[in-house]
Amino acid sequence: MVSDRGSVDAREPSPSSLGALPLHPILLAAYAVLFLYASNITELTASDVLQPLVMSILTASTVLLLLAIIFKSLTRAAIVTSAVVIAFFGQGHLEAVLTSLGLGLRTQLVAWSAFIVLATIVAIHARRLLPRLTTFLNVMASVLVVLSLTTIVPREIDRAAASQGDRVTDPAQAGGSPASTKRDIYYLVFDRYGSEWSLEYHFGIDSDLPEWLGTRGFQVATGSHANYRATDFSLAATLNMSYLDDLTVRYGRDTADRTPARAKIREHAVGGFLQAQGYRYVHLGSWFGPTATNPQADESRVYDPQSEFSVVLRETTIVPAVLRLLGSPERALTLRERHGPIADFQFRELAELRDEPGPKFVFAHVLLPHSPYVFRADGSPVTKIEEASEPESQLYGGQLAYLNGRIKETIEHLLAGPPGDQPIIIVQADEGPHARTDIDWTGREAEYLQVRFGILNAMYLPGADPAMVHPSITSVNTFRLVLSHYFGADLPLLPDRSFTWPDNDHTYDFRDVTDVIATLPDVPPLEPGPSTGPLPP
């Protein structure tokens, strides 16, 4: 090996020794991604982390090779590269701890710089210790990677075994024939838009949107409820036109793994059916991982190409700390800062899509009126301090009023074409509002479930008999109705049922609550309460 002096240095590891191949920087770079993956294994799949993992490894390899040229030694360069990797990924994980110890941001960054300098000094002067140091670092990094893989690999093996034949509904089996008139289809999901009862009881809000939609020819299902109490399960059922009992059979009741349900959103029966009918599937992405993009879609339009995992991974690095110290405006936007712009982007895209050639199926999961609360009724912003201090009923009401205006504007635009070209439009929620945390719900099971399950559900079905949409229809039957009527598919309606589960460690232990929410409770609205802050979909 060529030493720093340009000659062979016999004191560096020989090709036959364990320390000859310094893999530790690459392993540490991989571990940073694998650790985050393992920590969120119930929310992620291998496809979510592949690109960040490859980028992390390639970046570390590039730094290693550049430093090897400078040091004229791969072994020495590896020690410095590992220090850089540790500092780069360690800051985000340790910042809160270091801050609690009284270390300011500037001091923390100086400490990391000193750590890299110290590693450089050790790399230059270690000489005889280089083989042992390299072996130690290789072993340490390997152990860390293996520890992560012991969580990841068994879970992925179980998923692969359980997912054999996981497709619930094959569109080809639904029958049907090409429709004489292929109308555009818009499926617009507004997250946590509650039913009229849930809005009135929970927030004291009287939304005018259901009545307005009725005046525009929509069939409003006033007694509709979600089939499941969370976004991923609700959308999986709707888009596959089937309940999720197969997940209980395949994965059991004692699991927190939500990825099988989310896989049903990424490749669903509705999209496959319509693509087979010649439709172009356009997906308008949200910030929520399962609906951010869709590999099944012919086109995914996104405001921000970064995945949710990539954004979270970036927050664990030293980059945000450096940018904050520099006062740089180029820092990555927080989820709260992206919330409003993404929704506005989706509405702009909907307006533009009307004039694009069809037939097309457009799916937009708009995370409004879902928190964080960033809009007043007039569209002006809500600051983070205001969101933390104002009653949630006021915050939700303002954001809902703003959303109602955008929905009306969009519907008017989509229906502005000739009568023969009127699209099919589904305006629906995936779930109702999350129940307030300042309320003791003991003895109020019916009210709690009505809040969580009561949803907005309205359909514009040109040329269809209004009686097709009965008041209590649930979203699992949405596309059974649409595909049967407009395409002749053999998809009879299913019984309208609603399911919850005991906790998020038993996500497929479904409990039928249909009978509990069959009758609206005769109770007065709740008093306004404090903001609960942003919660996951």
Protein backbone atom coordinates (compact mmCIF):
# COMPACT_ATOMS: atom_id res chain seq x y z
CA MET A 1 0.00 0.00 0.00
CA VAL A 2 1.26 3.48 -0.78
CA SER A 3 1.90 5.50 2.38
CA ASP A 4 1.64 9.23 2.92
CA ARG A 5 5.31 9.45 1.88
CA GLY A 6 4.66 7.77 -1.44
CA SER A 7 6.37 4.46 -0.60
CA VAL A 8 5.13 1.08 0.55
CA ASP A 9 4.32 1.23 4.24
CA ALA A 10 4.76 -2.21 5.80
CA ARG A 11 3.05 -1.04 8.93
CA GLU A 12 -0.34 -0.73 7.20
CA PRO A 13 -2.49 -3.85 7.01
CA SER A 14 -1.44 -6.49 4.54
CA PRO A 15 -3.92 -7.77 1.96
CA SER A 16 -4.44 -10.98 3.92
CA SER A 17 -5.32 -9.38 7.27
CA LEU A 18 -8.85 -8.84 8.57
CA GLY A 19 -8.30 -5.10 8.55
CA ALA A 20 -7.25 -4.96 4.92
CA LEU A 21 -10.65 -3.94 3.56
CA PRO A 22 -12.07 -0.94 5.42
CA LEU A 23 -15.81 -1.41 4.91
CA HIS A 24 -16.91 0.42 8.04
CA PRO A 25 -17.81 3.77 6.39
CA ILE A 26 -20.13 2.01 3.92
CA LEU A 27 -21.65 -0.13 6.67
CA LEU A 28 -22.23 2.89 8.92
CA ALA A 29 -23.86 4.80 6.07
CA ALA A 30 -26.15 1.82 5.44
CA TYR A 31 -26.88 1.47 9.16
CA ALA A 32 -28.13 5.06 9.41
CA VAL A 33 -30.90 4.24 6.92
CA LEU A 34 -31.55 0.69 8.12
CA PHE A 35 -31.89 1.85 11.74
CA LEU A 36 -34.65 4.31 10.80
CA TYR A 37 -36.30 1.62 8.68
CA ALA A 38 -36.19 -0.93 11.52
CA SER A 39 -37.58 1.65 13.96
CA ASN A 40 -40.57 2.24 11.67
CA ILE A 41 -40.91 -1.25 10.21
CA THR A 42 -44.68 -1.36 10.71
CA GLU A 43 -45.10 1.75 8.54
CA LEU A 44 -42.57 1.06 5.77
CA THR A 45 -41.57 -1.48 3.15
CA ALA A 46 -38.23 -2.13 1.46
CA SER A 47 -39.28 -0.09 -1.57
CA ASP A 48 -39.68 2.99 0.63
CA VAL A 49 -36.06 2.93 1.75
CA LEU A 50 -34.23 1.57 -1.30
CA GLN A 51 -33.41 4.92 -2.89
CA PRO A 52 -32.25 6.62 0.36
CA LEU A 53 -30.17 3.53 1.19
CA VAL A 54 -28.44 3.54 -2.20
CA MET A 55 -27.84 7.29 -2.02
CA SER A 56 -26.35 7.03 1.47
CA ILE A 57 -23.98 4.24 0.42
CA LEU A 58 -22.95 6.00 -2.79
CA THR A 59 -22.30 9.28 -0.99
CA ALA A 60 -20.16 7.60 1.66
CA SER A 61 -18.26 5.70 -1.06
CA THR A 62 -17.59 8.93 -2.94
CA VAL A 63 -16.26 10.66 0.17
CA LEU A 64 -14.12 7.62 0.93
CA LEU A 65 -12.55 7.58 -2.53
CA LEU A 66 -11.88 11.32 -2.52
CA LEU A 67 -10.19 11.15 0.88
CA ALA A 68 -8.21 8.09 -0.24
CA ILE A 69 -6.70 10.22 -3.00
CA ILE A 70 -5.85 12.95 -0.50
CA PHE A 71 -4.38 10.62 2.13
CA LYS A 72 -2.97 8.18 -0.42
CA SER A 73 -4.34 5.48 1.84
CA LEU A 74 -7.74 3.83 1.75
CA THR A 75 -7.43 2.68 5.35
CA ARG A 76 -6.72 6.13 6.73
CA ALA A 77 -9.37 7.68 4.53
CA ALA A 78 -11.92 5.18 5.86
CA ILE A 79 -11.35 6.26 9.47
CA VAL A 80 -11.99 9.90 8.59
CA THR A 81 -14.98 8.98 6.40
CA SER A 82 -16.56 7.00 9.24
CA ALA A 83 -16.14 10.00 11.53
CA VAL A 84 -17.87 12.17 8.93
CA VAL A 85 -20.72 9.64 8.59
CA ILE A 86 -21.17 9.43 12.37
CA ALA A 87 -21.23 13.22 12.70
CA PHE A 88 -23.53 13.63 9.71
CA PHE A 89 -26.18 11.17 10.92
CA GLY A 90 -25.56 11.46 14.66
CA GLN A 91 -26.42 15.13 15.15
CA GLY A 92 -30.13 14.76 14.49
CA HIS A 93 -30.45 11.85 16.90
CA LEU A 94 -28.41 13.44 19.68
CA GLU A 95 -29.33 17.12 19.34
CA ALA A 96 -32.15 17.01 21.90
CA VAL A 97 -29.93 15.23 24.44
CA LEU A 98 -27.01 17.60 23.90
CA THR A 99 -29.31 20.60 24.16
CA SER A 100 -30.71 19.31 27.46
CA LEU A 101 -27.12 19.19 28.74
CA GLY A 102 -26.79 22.90 28.08
CA LEU A 103 -24.87 22.69 24.81
CA GLY A 104 -25.97 25.27 22.25
CA LEU A 105 -26.23 24.49 18.55
CA ARG A 106 -22.93 26.23 17.74
CA THR A 107 -21.14 24.30 20.48
CA GLN A 108 -22.58 21.02 19.22
CA LEU A 109 -21.35 21.65 15.68
CA VAL A 110 -17.92 22.67 16.96
CA ALA A 111 -17.81 19.43 18.96
CA TRP A 112 -18.62 17.37 15.86
CA SER A 113 -15.94 19.23 13.91
CA ALA A 114 -13.44 18.48 16.68
CA PHE A 115 -14.48 14.82 16.53
CA ILE A 116 -13.67 14.69 12.80
CA VAL A 117 -10.36 16.48 13.36
CA LEU A 118 -9.45 14.01 16.11
CA ALA A 119 -10.30 11.10 13.81
CA THR A 120 -8.05 12.63 11.15
CA ILE A 121 -5.14 12.91 13.60
CA VAL A 122 -5.65 9.30 14.67
CA ALA A 123 -5.78 8.14 11.06
CA ILE A 124 -2.52 9.90 10.22
CA HIS A 125 -0.54 8.82 13.27
CA ALA A 126 -2.00 5.42 14.13
CA ARG A 127 0.33 3.52 11.77
CA ARG A 128 0.79 0.17 13.57
CA LEU A 129 -2.67 0.39 15.10
CA LEU A 130 -4.36 0.82 11.72
CA PRO A 131 -5.07 -2.92 11.20
CA ARG A 132 -6.56 -3.33 14.68
CA LEU A 133 -8.51 -0.08 14.44
CA THR A 134 -9.87 -1.04 11.02
CA THR A 135 -10.84 -4.49 12.26
CA PHE A 136 -12.57 -3.00 15.32
CA LEU A 137 -14.51 -0.49 13.21
CA ASN A 138 -15.48 -3.17 10.67
CA VAL A 139 -16.77 -5.44 13.42
CA MET A 140 -18.63 -2.61 15.19
CA ALA A 141 -20.31 -1.41 12.00
CA SER A 142 -21.17 -4.97 10.99
CA VAL A 143 -22.80 -5.64 14.36
CA LEU A 144 -24.93 -2.50 14.02
CA VAL A 145 -26.09 -3.49 10.54
CA VAL A 146 -26.84 -7.05 11.66
CA LEU A 147 -28.86 -5.77 14.64
CA SER A 148 -31.04 -3.75 12.26
CA LEU A 149 -31.37 -6.66 9.87
CA THR A 150 -32.54 -8.96 12.66
CA THR A 151 -35.62 -6.75 12.86
CA ILE A 152 -36.02 -6.15 9.12
CA VAL A 153 -35.34 -9.53 7.53
CA PRO A 154 -37.79 -11.69 9.55
CA ARG A 155 -40.52 -9.11 9.04
CA GLU A 156 -39.92 -8.97 5.28
CA ILE A 157 -39.86 -12.77 5.04
CA ASP A 158 -43.17 -12.97 6.89
CA ARG A 159 -44.63 -10.29 4.61
CA ALA A 160 -43.47 -12.08 1.48
CA ALA A 161 -44.92 -15.39 2.67
CA ALA A 162 -48.23 -13.86 3.71
CA SER A 163 -48.64 -11.70 0.62
CA GLN A 164 -48.72 -14.57 -1.88
CA GLY A 165 -51.89 -14.01 -3.88
CA ASP A 166 -52.55 -10.82 -1.96
CA ARG A 167 -54.60 -9.20 -4.72
CA VAL A 168 -58.18 -9.13 -3.44
CA THR A 169 -60.10 -8.25 -6.60
CA ASP A 170 -58.81 -8.88 -10.08
CA PRO A 171 -60.48 -6.27 -12.32
CA ALA A 172 -60.69 -8.78 -15.13
CA GLN A 173 -62.91 -10.97 -12.94
CA ALA A 174 -65.39 -8.16 -12.39
CA GLY A 175 -66.72 -8.56 -15.92
CA GLY A 176 -68.11 -5.51 -17.64
CA SER A 177 -67.77 -4.09 -21.09
CA PRO A 178 -66.47 -0.82 -22.50
CA ALA A 179 -68.88 2.01 -21.74
CA SER A 180 -70.39 3.82 -24.70
CA THR A 181 -69.51 7.14 -23.07
CA LYS A 182 -66.33 7.13 -21.02
CA ARG A 183 -66.78 9.96 -18.57
CA ASP A 184 -63.85 11.29 -16.59
CA ILE A 185 -63.92 10.09 -12.99
CA TYR A 186 -62.71 12.22 -10.07
CA TYR A 187 -62.27 10.57 -6.69
CA LEU A 188 -61.64 13.39 -4.20
CA VAL A 189 -60.90 12.36 -0.62
CA PHE A 190 -60.86 15.08 2.05
CA ASP A 191 -59.19 13.75 5.15
CA ARG A 192 -61.19 13.95 8.42
CA TYR A 193 -64.17 15.72 6.88
CA GLY A 194 -66.83 14.59 9.32
CA SER A 195 -70.53 14.03 8.83
CA GLU A 196 -72.99 16.81 9.64
CA TRP A 197 -73.70 15.22 13.05
CA SER A 198 -70.03 14.75 13.98
CA LEU A 199 -69.14 18.34 13.03
CA GLU A 200 -72.05 19.74 15.01
CA TYR A 201 -71.49 17.57 18.09
CA HIS A 202 -67.69 17.70 18.16
CA PHE A 203 -67.00 21.28 17.07
CA GLY A 204 -70.34 23.08 17.01
CA ILE A 205 -69.94 23.57 13.24
CA ASP A 206 -72.75 23.68 10.69
CA SER A 207 -71.14 23.05 7.30
CA ASP A 208 -73.05 24.30 4.27
CA LEU A 209 -71.20 22.03 1.82
CA PRO A 210 -73.55 18.99 1.86
CA GLU A 211 -76.57 21.18 1.07
CA TRP A 212 -74.62 23.06 -1.60
CA LEU A 213 -73.54 19.80 -3.25
CA GLY A 214 -77.17 18.72 -3.29
CA THR A 215 -78.12 21.84 -5.25
CA ARG A 216 -75.49 20.94 -7.84
CA GLY A 217 -76.92 17.50 -8.51
CA PHE A 218 -74.87 15.43 -6.05
CA GLN A 219 -76.46 12.55 -4.17
CA VAL A 220 -75.44 13.16 -0.56
CA ALA A 221 -75.40 10.11 1.70
CA THR A 222 -76.31 11.87 4.94
CA GLY A 223 -75.96 8.74 7.07
CA SER A 224 -72.69 7.49 5.63
CA HIS A 225 -69.89 6.11 7.79
CA ALA A 226 -66.31 5.05 7.12
CA ASN A 227 -65.71 1.32 6.94
CA TYR A 228 -62.56 1.63 9.07
CA ARG A 229 -61.41 4.30 11.50
CA ALA A 230 -58.08 5.14 9.85
CA THR A 231 -57.00 6.45 6.45
CA ASP A 232 -54.92 3.54 5.21
CA PHE A 233 -57.52 0.87 5.98
CA SER A 234 -60.42 3.01 4.78
CA LEU A 235 -58.81 3.78 1.41
CA ALA A 236 -57.64 0.18 0.97
CA ALA A 237 -61.23 -1.03 1.35
CA THR A 238 -62.70 1.64 -0.94
CA LEU A 239 -60.16 1.27 -3.74
CA ASN A 240 -60.39 -2.52 -3.70
CA MET A 241 -64.17 -2.60 -3.24
CA SER A 242 -63.76 -5.18 -0.50
CA TYR A 243 -63.45 -5.51 3.26
CA LEU A 244 -60.04 -6.36 4.70
CA ASP A 245 -60.85 -9.67 6.36
CA ASP A 246 -58.12 -11.33 4.28
CA LEU A 247 -55.51 -9.33 6.22
CA THR A 248 -56.70 -10.86 9.47
CA VAL A 249 -56.41 -14.33 7.94
CA ARG A 250 -52.98 -13.70 6.42
CA TYR A 251 -51.29 -11.68 9.15
CA GLY A 252 -53.23 -12.52 12.29
CA ARG A 253 -54.73 -10.24 14.91
CA ASP A 254 -51.57 -9.70 16.95
CA THR A 255 -49.61 -7.34 14.70
CA ALA A 256 -48.92 -3.63 14.32
CA ASP A 257 -47.79 -3.96 10.70
CA ARG A 258 -49.87 -1.59 8.54
CA THR A 259 -47.88 -2.11 5.34
CA PRO A 260 -50.11 -4.90 3.93
CA ALA A 261 -53.10 -2.56 4.05
CA ARG A 262 -51.05 0.23 2.52
CA ALA A 263 -49.89 -2.07 -0.28
CA LYS A 264 -53.53 -2.34 -1.31
CA ILE A 265 -53.55 1.43 -1.88
CA ARG A 266 -50.47 1.31 -4.10
CA GLU A 267 -52.00 -1.29 -6.40
CA HIS A 268 -55.75 -1.35 -6.26
CA ALA A 269 -58.62 -2.93 -8.13
CA VAL A 270 -60.36 0.31 -9.13
CA GLY A 271 -57.28 1.66 -10.89
CA GLY A 272 -56.66 -1.67 -12.63
CA PHE A 273 -60.25 -1.94 -13.82
CA LEU A 274 -60.34 1.55 -15.27
CA GLN A 275 -56.92 1.22 -16.90
CA ALA A 276 -58.19 -1.95 -18.58
CA GLN A 277 -61.09 0.17 -19.88
CA GLY A 278 -58.64 2.60 -21.49
CA TYR A 279 -58.55 5.20 -18.72
CA ARG A 280 -55.46 7.20 -17.82
CA TYR A 281 -54.91 7.06 -14.06
CA VAL A 282 -53.65 10.39 -12.67
CA HIS A 283 -52.62 10.42 -9.01
CA LEU A 284 -52.34 13.72 -7.14
CA GLY A 285 -50.01 13.06 -4.23
CA SER A 286 -50.29 14.18 -0.60
CA TRP A 287 -47.60 14.29 2.10
CA PHE A 288 -48.98 11.05 3.60
CA GLY A 289 -46.61 8.26 2.52
CA PRO A 290 -49.15 5.72 1.19
CA THR A 291 -50.81 8.33 -1.05
CA ALA A 292 -47.78 10.51 -1.82
CA THR A 293 -47.23 8.69 -5.12
CA ASN A 294 -48.63 5.58 -6.74
CA PRO A 295 -46.57 3.19 -8.90
CA GLN A 296 -49.77 1.84 -10.47
CA ALA A 297 -50.78 5.26 -11.80
CA ASP A 298 -49.97 6.31 -15.34
CA GLU A 299 -48.95 9.65 -13.89
CA SER A 300 -48.21 10.76 -10.32
CA ARG A 301 -48.15 14.50 -9.85
CA VAL A 302 -46.47 15.69 -6.66
CA TYR A 303 -45.70 19.03 -5.07
CA ASP A 304 -42.55 17.69 -3.44
CA PRO A 305 -40.76 14.67 -5.01
CA GLN A 306 -39.17 13.69 -1.68
CA SER A 307 -40.78 10.75 0.06
CA GLU A 308 -41.96 11.04 3.66
CA PHE A 309 -39.14 8.68 4.68
CA SER A 310 -36.51 10.82 2.91
CA VAL A 311 -37.77 13.93 4.67
CA VAL A 312 -37.62 12.22 8.08
CA LEU A 313 -34.17 10.79 7.31
CA ARG A 314 -32.90 14.25 6.39
CA GLU A 315 -34.12 15.58 9.73
CA THR A 316 -31.86 13.05 11.50
CA THR A 317 -28.77 14.45 9.79
CA ILE A 318 -26.59 17.46 10.59
CA VAL A 319 -27.95 19.43 7.62
CA PRO A 320 -30.92 21.10 9.39
CA ALA A 321 -28.67 22.17 12.28
CA VAL A 322 -26.09 23.72 9.95
CA LEU A 323 -28.77 25.56 7.97
CA ARG A 324 -30.39 26.87 11.17
CA LEU A 325 -27.04 28.15 12.39
CA LEU A 326 -26.43 29.89 9.08
CA GLY A 327 -29.96 31.30 9.03
CA SER A 328 -30.34 29.84 5.55
CA PRO A 329 -33.78 30.15 3.93
CA GLU A 330 -33.00 27.01 1.92
CA ARG A 331 -33.76 24.63 4.76
CA ALA A 332 -36.24 21.86 4.10
CA LEU A 333 -39.84 22.76 4.84
CA THR A 334 -41.43 21.14 7.86
CA LEU A 335 -44.58 19.05 7.50
CA ARG A 336 -46.58 21.99 8.80
CA GLU A 337 -45.04 24.34 6.24
CA ARG A 338 -45.74 21.87 3.41
CA HIS A 339 -49.32 21.13 4.49
CA GLY A 340 -51.02 24.12 2.88
CA PRO A 341 -48.92 24.36 -0.31
CA ILE A 342 -49.48 20.68 -1.12
CA ALA A 343 -53.26 21.07 -0.81
CA ASP A 344 -53.19 24.21 -2.97
CA PHE A 345 -51.08 22.34 -5.53
CA GLN A 346 -53.67 19.56 -5.69
CA PHE A 347 -56.50 22.02 -6.31
CA ARG A 348 -54.51 23.75 -9.07
CA GLU A 349 -53.87 20.40 -10.73
CA LEU A 350 -57.56 19.50 -10.56
CA ALA A 351 -58.42 22.72 -12.34
CA GLU A 352 -55.91 22.03 -15.11
CA LEU A 353 -56.89 18.38 -15.52
CA ARG A 354 -60.43 19.21 -16.62
CA ASP A 355 -59.20 20.33 -20.03
CA GLU A 356 -56.78 17.46 -20.56
CA PRO A 357 -57.89 14.67 -22.92
CA GLY A 358 -59.69 11.72 -21.40
CA PRO A 359 -60.92 9.37 -20.38
CA LYS A 360 -59.08 9.75 -17.10
CA PHE A 361 -59.41 8.59 -13.52
CA VAL A 362 -58.13 11.23 -11.09
CA PHE A 363 -57.46 10.37 -7.45
CA ALA A 364 -56.61 13.15 -5.00
CA HIS A 365 -56.17 12.58 -1.28
CA VAL A 366 -56.32 16.12 0.10
CA LEU A 367 -55.19 16.39 3.72
CA LEU A 368 -57.76 19.04 4.67
CA PRO A 369 -59.45 19.75 7.06
CA HIS A 370 -56.90 17.41 8.68
CA SER A 371 -54.47 19.13 11.05
CA PRO A 372 -52.05 20.88 11.22
CA TYR A 373 -54.32 23.91 11.04
CA VAL A 374 -52.73 26.38 8.66
CA PHE A 375 -55.68 28.21 7.05
CA ARG A 376 -58.19 30.75 8.30
CA ALA A 377 -61.58 30.84 6.60
CA ASP A 378 -60.32 33.54 4.21
CA GLY A 379 -57.14 31.60 3.36
CA SER A 380 -54.86 33.69 5.54
CA PRO A 381 -52.27 31.68 7.50
CA VAL A 382 -52.48 30.36 11.05
CA THR A 383 -49.16 30.64 12.86
CA LYS A 384 -47.72 27.78 14.87
CA ILE A 385 -48.19 29.79 18.08
CA GLU A 386 -51.84 30.50 17.23
CA GLU A 387 -52.45 26.83 16.48
CA ALA A 388 -51.09 25.87 19.90
CA SER A 389 -53.21 28.41 21.77
CA GLU A 390 -56.61 28.54 20.06
CA PRO A 391 -59.51 26.08 20.59
CA GLU A 392 -59.51 23.26 18.06
CA SER A 393 -63.13 23.97 17.19
CA GLN A 394 -62.09 27.43 15.99
CA LEU A 395 -59.06 26.12 14.10
CA TYR A 396 -60.93 23.24 12.47
CA GLY A 397 -63.84 25.52 11.61
CA GLY A 398 -61.61 28.05 9.88
CA GLN A 399 -59.76 25.42 7.88
CA LEU A 400 -63.05 23.73 6.97
CA ALA A 401 -64.54 27.00 5.73
CA TYR A 402 -61.50 27.61 3.55
CA LEU A 403 -61.69 24.05 2.23
CA ASN A 404 -65.40 24.38 1.45
CA GLY A 405 -64.67 27.38 -0.71
CA ARG A 406 -61.97 25.50 -2.64
CA ILE A 407 -64.22 22.46 -3.10
CA LYS A 408 -67.09 24.59 -4.45
CA GLU A 409 -64.75 26.41 -6.80
CA THR A 410 -63.36 23.09 -8.06
CA ILE A 411 -66.77 21.47 -8.53
CA GLU A 412 -68.08 24.49 -10.46
CA HIS A 413 -65.04 24.29 -12.72
CA LEU A 414 -65.32 20.53 -13.31
CA LEU A 415 -69.03 20.82 -14.17
CA ALA A 416 -68.63 23.79 -16.51
CA GLY A 417 -68.36 21.65 -19.64
CA PRO A 418 -71.12 20.42 -21.98
CA PRO A 419 -73.81 18.20 -20.37
CA GLY A 420 -72.70 15.19 -22.40
CA ASP A 421 -69.19 15.47 -21.01
CA GLN A 422 -70.12 15.78 -17.35
CA PRO A 423 -67.67 13.78 -15.22
CA ILE A 424 -68.40 11.36 -12.40
CA ILE A 425 -67.31 13.05 -9.17
CA ILE A 426 -66.95 11.41 -5.77
CA VAL A 427 -66.49 13.83 -2.84
CA GLN A 428 -65.75 11.75 0.22
CA ALA A 429 -63.88 11.54 3.50
CA ASP A 430 -61.79 8.59 4.62
CA GLU A 431 -62.65 9.11 8.31
CA GLY A 432 -64.18 11.67 10.62
CA PRO A 433 -62.27 13.98 12.97
CA HIS A 434 -60.02 12.46 15.61
CA ALA A 435 -61.79 12.59 18.95
CA ARG A 436 -60.61 15.38 21.24
CA THR A 437 -58.03 14.37 23.83
CA ASP A 438 -59.41 16.75 26.48
CA ILE A 439 -62.64 14.74 26.70
CA ASP A 440 -63.16 11.68 28.89
CA TRP A 441 -64.96 9.33 26.49
CA THR A 442 -65.79 6.77 29.15
CA GLY A 443 -69.47 5.89 28.76
CA ARG A 444 -69.61 7.82 25.49
CA GLU A 445 -68.75 5.02 23.08
CA ALA A 446 -71.57 5.82 20.67
CA GLU A 447 -70.61 9.51 20.49
CA TYR A 448 -66.91 8.69 20.11
CA LEU A 449 -67.54 6.26 17.26
CA GLN A 450 -69.95 8.63 15.52
CA VAL A 451 -67.24 11.31 15.54
CA ARG A 452 -64.60 8.95 14.18
CA PHE A 453 -66.77 7.16 11.61
CA GLY A 454 -69.26 9.78 10.42
CA ILE A 455 -68.07 11.11 7.05
CA LEU A 456 -68.95 13.39 4.18
CA ASN A 457 -70.01 11.25 1.22
CA ALA A 458 -71.48 12.74 -1.95
CA MET A 459 -71.57 11.48 -5.56
CA TYR A 460 -72.26 13.20 -8.85
CA LEU A 461 -73.50 10.43 -11.15
CA PRO A 462 -74.70 11.80 -14.51
CA GLY A 463 -77.66 9.94 -15.94
CA ALA A 464 -77.98 7.61 -12.94
CA ASP A 465 -81.06 7.01 -10.84
CA PRO A 466 -80.68 9.08 -7.63
CA ALA A 467 -82.14 6.18 -5.65
CA MET A 468 -78.93 4.22 -6.34
CA VAL A 469 -77.25 6.14 -3.51
CA HIS A 470 -78.98 5.19 -0.29
CA PRO A 471 -78.40 7.45 2.76
CA SER A 472 -76.21 5.01 4.72
CA ILE A 473 -74.03 3.74 1.87
CA THR A 474 -70.41 3.28 2.92
CA SER A 475 -67.31 3.91 0.85
CA VAL A 476 -66.56 0.22 0.21
CA ASN A 477 -69.55 0.28 -2.14
CA THR A 478 -68.62 3.51 -3.93
CA PHE A 479 -66.95 1.95 -6.94
CA ARG A 480 -69.07 -1.19 -6.88
CA LEU A 481 -71.94 1.14 -7.65
CA VAL A 482 -70.03 3.23 -10.21
CA LEU A 483 -68.42 0.37 -12.11
CA SER A 484 -71.62 -1.68 -12.17
CA HIS A 485 -73.77 1.17 -13.47
CA TYR A 486 -71.42 2.72 -16.02
CA PHE A 487 -69.44 -0.34 -17.14
CA GLY A 488 -71.77 -3.27 -16.52
CA ALA A 489 -69.40 -4.87 -14.01
CA ASP A 490 -70.78 -7.70 -11.90
CA LEU A 491 -70.19 -6.07 -8.52
CA PRO A 492 -73.23 -6.29 -6.26
CA LEU A 493 -73.24 -4.02 -3.23
CA LEU A 494 -71.83 -5.40 0.02
CA PRO A 495 -73.47 -4.98 3.43
CA ASP A 496 -72.50 -1.59 4.86
CA ARG A 497 -70.34 -2.33 7.90
CA SER A 498 -67.88 -0.37 10.07
CA PHE A 499 -64.91 -1.78 11.97
CA THR A 500 -62.51 -0.62 14.64
CA TRP A 501 -59.68 -2.42 16.51
CA PRO A 502 -58.59 -2.41 20.16
CA ASP A 503 -55.21 -0.68 19.69
CA ASN A 504 -52.47 -0.17 17.13
CA ASP A 505 -50.65 -3.33 18.20
CA HIS A 506 -53.66 -5.36 17.01
CA THR A 507 -54.56 -3.56 13.80
CA TYR A 508 -56.26 -6.52 12.11
CA ASP A 509 -58.30 -7.53 15.15
CA PHE A 510 -61.37 -5.98 13.60
CA ARG A 511 -64.40 -5.28 15.80
CA ASP A 512 -67.75 -4.63 14.12
CA VAL A 513 -69.32 -1.42 15.46
CA THR A 514 -72.03 -1.04 12.83
CA ASP A 515 -74.88 -1.53 15.28
CA VAL A 516 -73.37 0.95 17.76
CA ILE A 517 -73.38 3.77 15.20
CA ALA A 518 -76.67 2.83 13.55
CA THR A 519 -78.58 5.48 15.49
CA LEU A 520 -77.39 9.04 16.07
CA PRO A 521 -77.07 9.85 19.79
CA ASP A 522 -79.43 12.57 21.01
CA VAL A 523 -76.87 14.63 22.93
CA PRO A 524 -75.95 18.34 22.98
CA PRO A 525 -72.73 19.55 21.28
CA LEU A 526 -69.51 19.49 23.27
CA GLU A 527 -68.10 22.68 24.72
CA PRO A 528 -65.17 24.12 22.73
CA GLY A 529 -61.85 22.64 23.84
CA PRO A 530 -58.13 23.31 23.34
CA SER A 531 -56.21 22.45 20.21
CA THR A 532 -54.98 18.85 20.08
CA GLY A 533 -52.22 19.67 17.61
CA PRO A 534 -51.32 17.72 14.47
CA LEU A 535 -51.92 13.97 14.45
CA PRO A 536 -51.08 11.33 11.82
CA PRO A 537 -53.72 10.46 9.19
